[in-house]
């Protein structure tokens, strides 16, 4: 026989732990972005002390990491100079 009071407390503790973890991860991502640190699933998981699988399961956090990672990659990609900027020398 399961006591309803015990189950309720366990469920509430799990919700609280999940919320604290989410807040810690979001804070970690924000700090990394401000410090212009490399953001990817490995680095966020390590700094926030969570598993990569947890990050992947949280759709909003996953989207945020993928977006920030993509922005960092696009900043590193060399761009072709505009034709108007290329000076011809003869």
C-alpha atoms as a PDB file:
ATOM      1  CA  UNK A   1       0.000   0.000   0.000  1.00  0.00           C
ATOM      2  CA  UNK A   2       1.391   3.406  -1.022  1.00  0.00           C
ATOM      3  CA  UNK A   3       0.779   6.390   1.166  1.00  0.00           C
ATOM      4  CA  UNK A   4      -0.423   9.381  -0.781  1.00  0.00           C
ATOM      5  CA  UNK A   5       1.478  11.818   1.458  1.00  0.00           C
ATOM      6  CA  UNK A   6       4.832  10.176   0.735  1.00  0.00           C
ATOM      7  CA  UNK A   7       4.237  10.096  -3.008  1.00  0.00           C
ATOM      8  CA  UNK A   8       3.255  13.761  -3.063  1.00  0.00           C
ATOM      9  CA  UNK A   9       6.427  14.763  -1.221  1.00  0.00           C
ATOM     10  CA  UNK A  10       8.641  12.724  -3.547  1.00  0.00           C
ATOM     11  CA  UNK A  11       6.996  14.200  -6.639  1.00  0.00           C
ATOM     12  CA  UNK A  12       7.424  17.723  -5.244  1.00  0.00           C
ATOM     13  CA  UNK A  13      11.101  17.114  -4.462  1.00  0.00           C
ATOM     14  CA  UNK A  14      11.674  15.865  -8.008  1.00  0.00           C
ATOM     15  CA  UNK A  15       9.995  18.985  -9.452  1.00  0.00           C
ATOM     16  CA  UNK A  16      12.089  21.231  -7.216  1.00  0.00           C
ATOM     17  CA  UNK A  17      15.301  19.469  -8.222  1.00  0.00           C
ATOM     18  CA  UNK A  18      14.405  19.746 -11.902  1.00  0.00           C
ATOM     19  CA  UNK A  19      13.660  23.461 -11.579  1.00  0.00           C
ATOM     20  CA  UNK A  20      16.950  24.113  -9.758  1.00  0.00           C
ATOM     21  CA  UNK A  21      18.825  22.213 -12.443  1.00  0.00           C
ATOM     22  CA  UNK A  22      17.108  24.214 -15.198  1.00  0.00           C
ATOM     23  CA  UNK A  23      17.959  27.511 -13.491  1.00  0.00           C
ATOM     24  CA  UNK A  24      21.601  26.427 -13.042  1.00  0.00           C
ATOM     25  CA  UNK A  25      21.907  25.450 -16.710  1.00  0.00           C
ATOM     26  CA  UNK A  26      20.300  28.661 -17.978  1.00  0.00           C
ATOM     27  CA  UNK A  27      22.594  30.739 -15.744  1.00  0.00           C
ATOM     28  CA  UNK A  28      25.624  28.793 -16.989  1.00  0.00           C
ATOM     29  CA  UNK A  29      24.681  29.350 -20.633  1.00  0.00           C
ATOM     30  CA  UNK A  30      24.149  33.077 -20.045  1.00  0.00           C
ATOM     31  CA  UNK A  31      27.498  33.444 -18.292  1.00  0.00           C
ATOM     32  CA  UNK A  32      29.287  31.535 -21.046  1.00  0.00           C
ATOM     33  CA  UNK A  33      27.696  33.731 -23.706  1.00  0.00           C
ATOM     34  CA  UNK A  34      28.678  36.927 -21.867  1.00  0.00           C
ATOM     35  CA  UNK A  35      32.255  35.699 -21.494  1.00  0.00           C
ATOM     36  CA  UNK A  36      32.249  34.648 -25.166  1.00  0.00           C
ATOM     37  CA  UNK A  37      33.191  31.098 -24.201  1.00  0.00           C
ATOM     38  CA  UNK A  38      32.702  28.221 -26.594  1.00  0.00           C
ATOM     39  CA  UNK A  39      29.126  26.954 -26.238  1.00  0.00           C
ATOM     40  CA  UNK A  40      28.280  23.376 -27.147  1.00  0.00           C
ATOM     41  CA  UNK A  41      26.637  20.448 -25.417  1.00  0.00           C
ATOM     42  CA  UNK A  42      29.902  19.172 -23.952  1.00  0.00           C
ATOM     43  CA  UNK A  43      30.995  22.498 -22.488  1.00  0.00           C
ATOM     44  CA  UNK A  44      27.564  23.372 -21.068  1.00  0.00           C
ATOM     45  CA  UNK A  45      27.110  19.909 -19.550  1.00  0.00           C
ATOM     46  CA  UNK A  46      30.515  20.063 -17.910  1.00  0.00           C
ATOM     47  CA  UNK A  47      30.150  23.606 -16.526  1.00  0.00           C
ATOM     48  CA  UNK A  48      26.564  23.119 -15.310  1.00  0.00           C
ATOM     49  CA  UNK A  49      27.301  19.643 -13.951  1.00  0.00           C
ATOM     50  CA  UNK A  50      24.509  17.920 -15.888  1.00  0.00           C
ATOM     51  CA  UNK A  51      24.505  15.112 -18.421  1.00  0.00           C
ATOM     52  CA  UNK A  52      24.454  15.753 -22.140  1.00  0.00           C
ATOM     53  CA  UNK A  53      21.369  13.558 -22.401  1.00  0.00           C
ATOM     54  CA  UNK A  54      19.554  15.884 -19.968  1.00  0.00           C
ATOM     55  CA  UNK A  55      20.429  18.860 -22.182  1.00  0.00           C
ATOM     56  CA  UNK A  56      19.183  17.072 -25.290  1.00  0.00           C
ATOM     57  CA  UNK A  57      15.876  16.155 -23.622  1.00  0.00           C
ATOM     58  CA  UNK A  58      15.062  19.777 -22.689  1.00  0.00           C
ATOM     59  CA  UNK A  59      13.797  21.116 -26.018  1.00  0.00           C
ATOM     60  CA  UNK A  60      14.083  24.811 -25.175  1.00  0.00           C
ATOM     61  CA  UNK A  61      17.584  24.472 -23.745  1.00  0.00           C
ATOM     62  CA  UNK A  62      18.637  22.265 -26.657  1.00  0.00           C
ATOM     63  CA  UNK A  63      17.413  24.908 -29.110  1.00  0.00           C
ATOM     64  CA  UNK A  64      19.276  27.645 -27.202  1.00  0.00           C
ATOM     65  CA  UNK A  65      22.561  25.701 -27.208  1.00  0.00           C
ATOM     66  CA  UNK A  66      22.206  24.861 -30.910  1.00  0.00           C
ATOM     67  CA  UNK A  67      21.420  28.483 -31.775  1.00  0.00           C
ATOM     68  CA  UNK A  68      24.326  29.927 -29.801  1.00  0.00           C
ATOM     69  CA  UNK A  69      26.693  27.259 -31.134  1.00  0.00           C
ATOM     70  CA  UNK A  70      25.567  28.088 -34.677  1.00  0.00           C
ATOM     71  CA  UNK A  71      26.142  31.789 -34.109  1.00  0.00           C
ATOM     72  CA  UNK A  72      29.670  31.108 -32.874  1.00  0.00           C
ATOM     73  CA  UNK A  73      30.439  28.892 -35.857  1.00  0.00           C
ATOM     74  CA  UNK A  74      29.159  31.503 -38.311  1.00  0.00           C
ATOM     75  CA  UNK A  75      31.399  34.117 -36.683  1.00  0.00           C
ATOM     76  CA  UNK A  76      34.420  31.891 -37.309  1.00  0.00           C
ATOM     77  CA  UNK A  77      33.575  31.117 -40.928  1.00  0.00           C
ATOM     78  CA  UNK A  78      35.612  33.286 -43.281  1.00  0.00           C
ATOM     79  CA  UNK A  79      33.525  35.306 -45.668  1.00  0.00           C
ATOM     80  CA  UNK A  80      34.338  36.153 -49.247  1.00  0.00           C
ATOM     81  CA  UNK A  81      35.031  39.845 -49.696  1.00  0.00           C
ATOM     82  CA  UNK A  82      32.437  41.836 -51.538  1.00  0.00           C
ATOM     83  CA  UNK A  83      33.270  42.625 -55.184  1.00  0.00           C
ATOM     84  CA  UNK A  84      33.038  46.307 -54.385  1.00  0.00           C
ATOM     85  CA  UNK A  85      35.745  45.934 -51.744  1.00  0.00           C
ATOM     86  CA  UNK A  86      38.183  44.117 -54.003  1.00  0.00           C
ATOM     87  CA  UNK A  87      40.515  46.559 -55.676  1.00  0.00           C
ATOM     88  CA  UNK A  88      41.903  45.658 -59.036  1.00  0.00           C
ATOM     89  CA  UNK A  89      45.517  46.420 -59.611  1.00  0.00           C
ATOM     90  CA  UNK A  90      47.054  46.288 -63.053  1.00  0.00           C
END
